[in-house]
Structure formats: C-alpha cells, structure tokens
Protein backbone atom coordinates (compact mmCIF):
# COMPACT_ATOMS: atom_id res chain seq x y z
CA UNK A 1 104.33 107.98 86.33
CA UNK A 2 105.44 105.69 89.17
CA UNK A 3 108.23 103.18 88.56
CA UNK A 4 105.82 100.26 88.74
CA UNK A 5 103.52 101.69 86.06
CA UNK A 6 106.30 102.75 83.69
CA UNK A 7 107.95 99.35 84.04
CA UNK A 8 104.66 97.58 83.31
CA UNK A 9 104.27 99.63 80.12
CA UNK A 10 107.83 98.79 79.08
CA UNK A 11 107.41 95.10 79.85
CA UNK A 12 104.10 94.93 78.02
CA UNK A 13 105.75 96.46 74.97
CA UNK A 14 108.64 94.03 75.14
CA UNK A 15 111.14 96.85 75.42
CA UNK A 16 113.24 95.27 78.17
CA UNK A 17 115.87 92.67 77.53
CA UNK A 18 117.88 90.55 79.93
CA UNK A 19 121.25 91.79 81.05
CA UNK A 20 123.54 91.84 84.04
CA UNK A 21 125.16 94.87 85.61
CA UNK A 22 128.49 94.32 87.26
CA UNK A 23 128.67 95.32 90.90
CA UNK A 24 132.31 96.25 90.28
CA UNK A 25 131.24 98.83 87.72
CA UNK A 26 129.40 100.78 90.44
CA UNK A 27 127.53 102.57 87.69
CA UNK A 28 124.43 101.99 85.68
CA UNK A 29 123.47 99.30 83.19
CA UNK A 30 121.47 99.81 80.01
CA UNK A 31 119.43 96.68 80.71
CA UNK A 32 117.87 95.57 84.01
CA UNK A 33 119.64 92.78 85.94
CA UNK A 34 116.59 90.56 85.34
CA UNK A 35 113.11 90.85 83.87
CA UNK A 36 110.25 91.21 86.37
CA UNK A 37 107.59 88.50 86.05
CA UNK A 38 104.13 89.53 84.90
CA UNK A 39 101.14 87.43 85.94
CA UNK A 40 97.57 87.67 87.22
CA UNK A 41 96.56 87.26 90.87
CA UNK A 42 92.89 87.30 91.84
CA UNK A 43 92.01 88.82 88.43
CA UNK A 44 94.51 91.67 88.89
CA UNK A 45 97.73 92.23 86.98
CA UNK A 46 100.82 91.81 89.09
CA UNK A 47 104.50 92.55 88.69
CA UNK A 48 106.96 90.45 90.68
CA UNK A 49 110.12 92.55 90.75
CA UNK A 50 113.53 90.93 90.80
CA UNK A 51 117.08 92.00 91.43
CA UNK A 52 119.43 92.41 94.36
CA UNK A 53 118.07 95.66 95.84
CA UNK A 54 116.74 95.62 99.39
CA UNK A 55 114.72 97.98 101.59
CA UNK A 56 114.16 97.88 105.35
CA UNK A 57 111.35 99.90 106.98
CA UNK A 58 111.00 100.54 110.72
CA UNK A 59 107.46 101.51 111.69
CA UNK A 60 105.45 101.02 114.87
CA UNK A 61 108.29 99.22 116.65
CA UNK A 62 108.66 96.60 113.90
CA UNK A 63 111.12 96.14 111.06
CA UNK A 64 109.91 95.01 107.64
CA UNK A 65 112.37 93.62 105.09
CA UNK A 66 111.82 93.88 101.33
CA UNK A 67 113.98 92.06 98.80
CA UNK A 68 114.00 91.23 95.09
CA UNK A 69 114.26 94.89 94.26
CA UNK A 70 115.01 96.78 91.07
CA UNK A 71 116.92 100.08 91.20
CA UNK A 72 116.15 102.25 88.18
CA UNK A 73 118.01 105.51 87.57
CA UNK A 74 115.16 107.22 85.77
CA UNK A 75 115.72 110.29 83.62
CA UNK A 76 111.96 111.00 83.53
CA UNK A 77 111.59 110.86 87.33
CA UNK A 78 114.88 112.65 87.94
CA UNK A 79 116.11 110.20 90.53
CA UNK A 80 116.38 106.61 91.63
CA UNK A 81 113.18 104.57 91.52
CA UNK A 82 113.27 101.44 93.66
CA UNK A 83 110.55 98.79 93.63
CA UNK A 84 110.85 95.58 95.66
CA UNK A 85 108.49 92.63 96.06
CA UNK A 86 105.24 92.05 94.17
CA UNK A 87 102.75 94.76 93.19
CA UNK A 88 99.20 93.57 92.52
CA UNK A 89 97.59 96.51 90.74
CA UNK A 90 94.11 97.44 91.95
CA UNK A 91 93.91 94.66 94.57
CA UNK A 92 92.96 95.59 98.12
CA UNK A 93 96.01 95.52 100.43
CA UNK A 94 98.16 94.29 97.50
CA UNK A 95 96.42 90.87 97.62
CA UNK A 96 98.47 89.95 100.69
CA UNK A 97 101.81 90.36 98.91
CA UNK A 98 104.85 92.27 100.13
CA UNK A 99 105.77 95.39 98.15
CA UNK A 100 107.49 98.76 98.57
CA UNK A 101 108.12 101.59 96.12
CA UNK A 102 110.46 104.56 96.68
CA UNK A 103 111.70 107.54 94.69
CA UNK A 104 115.03 108.90 95.88
CA UNK A 105 115.28 112.30 94.18
CA UNK A 106 118.09 114.77 93.63
CA UNK A 107 117.84 117.94 95.71
CA UNK A 108 115.92 120.28 95.49
CA UNK A 109 113.22 117.76 94.47
CA UNK A 110 111.60 115.82 97.29
CA UNK A 111 111.83 112.06 97.67
CA UNK A 112 108.77 109.89 98.14
CA UNK A 113 107.73 106.56 99.59
CA UNK A 114 104.83 105.67 97.28
CA UNK A 115 103.46 102.72 99.20
CA UNK A 116 104.44 99.80 101.39
CA UNK A 117 102.60 96.53 102.06
CA UNK A 118 103.45 93.52 104.17
CA UNK A 119 101.28 90.44 104.69
CA UNK A 120 98.08 92.11 103.50
CA UNK A 121 98.55 95.27 105.56
CA UNK A 122 99.31 98.68 104.12
CA UNK A 123 102.21 100.13 106.10
CA UNK A 124 102.01 103.60 104.51
CA UNK A 125 100.62 105.40 101.50
CA UNK A 126 102.19 108.04 99.29
CA UNK A 127 104.28 110.26 101.55
CA UNK A 128 107.32 112.50 101.40
CA UNK A 129 110.61 111.23 102.82
CA UNK A 130 113.96 112.89 103.58
CA UNK A 131 116.98 110.80 102.61
CA UNK A 132 120.65 110.60 103.55
CA UNK A 133 123.20 108.80 101.41
CA UNK A 134 124.15 108.68 97.79
CA UNK A 135 121.50 108.97 95.12
CA UNK A 136 122.91 105.88 93.48
CA UNK A 137 123.71 103.10 95.84
CA UNK A 138 122.42 103.11 99.36
CA UNK A 139 121.20 105.30 102.17
CA UNK A 140 118.66 105.94 104.89
CA UNK A 141 115.43 107.93 105.06
CA UNK A 142 112.76 109.24 107.43
CA UNK A 143 109.13 110.10 106.75
CA UNK A 144 108.34 113.81 106.63
CA UNK A 145 104.54 113.59 106.34
CA UNK A 146 102.01 110.98 107.43
CA UNK A 147 102.88 108.09 109.76
CA UNK A 148 106.32 108.18 111.39
CA UNK A 149 108.72 105.63 109.92
CA UNK A 150 112.33 105.31 108.89
CA UNK A 151 114.26 102.97 106.71
CA UNK A 152 117.18 102.19 104.46
CA UNK A 153 117.79 101.08 100.89
CA UNK A 154 120.66 99.31 99.15
CA UNK A 155 120.98 98.69 95.40
CA UNK A 156 123.96 96.37 96.01
CA UNK A 157 125.84 97.94 93.10
CA UNK A 158 123.26 97.04 90.45
CA UNK A 159 121.44 100.02 88.94
CA UNK A 160 119.44 99.96 85.71
CA UNK A 161 119.45 103.18 83.67
CA UNK A 162 115.82 103.33 82.51
CA UNK A 163 113.79 105.89 80.64
C-alpha cells in the first residue's frame, strides 16, 4: 500500500499523535513531526502532508520544488516513503494541487516515484527510479522507466518510524 493510503488509514483511525523528532538525533521518531491535515476538495478526500522534507524534480528543462514533506521509515514497505504536498484522491490531475510520492528502497528492492503533480499537470506516473545517497536522510535519483527525469530528496533530519 502506498504511503499516502496507509497514512490515510492511520489518520482515519486516530492512530497518529503529535510529536517532534530532533534533527540532532539523526534517527527516527515514533511519532510524525506533525499530523497531516485531512479535508475534502471538490468532493474528494485530500491529505495535506506536513513536515520539513523536500523534493526537487528536474523534468523537461524545468525544476519543480515540493515541500511540506513527511519521511516515513516504513517496515511494511521496506524503505523510506516520502510524500510532499497535497494528495487529492481520485481527482483528475490532483485537483490542481502540488504533490509527489517516492519510495526509496533498500537494495536489492527497486525504488519508485509513484506520482508527481504540479499546478494541475501530472509530471510522471508510477515509475522505477535509481537512487544515490543514504536510505535515511537525503540523496538523488534518476528515472529508469518512463519519462526521463531526475531529482533529489532531503528529510532534513526528521524521519518518522511508521508501520
């Protein structure tokens, strides 16, 4: 299950509580640094992620910046799930919101860029990426399949240790 869906299930069940992870700890926290906001946009459920994580994507000669990201070291996914921006589930082109979702996996598993939207345009769909850098923290990546793009991620020292 993608990070955005598992987080929605957890939030709906009230399983998450507020907490702050220290950047000095450079480890994981048992609670997320903030609680993503749940709302409805154009009759679709949305999740506005929060946190210090950032992602930059270079595609087609342009750079797209994503902020307000949550880094989740997921035992079920076997890697780092990073979601930044606002996901509007089931809405065409994410209802014009900005959103990106990545899975940075431990080798030999492959990493994925699930989807990216900016200003009502889908930048890419579910595709495999190859990453460089530490699993926890920051790094760079390049697309392996689909449209050619590259990018980077940075958790800024705040990583939630989710299910």
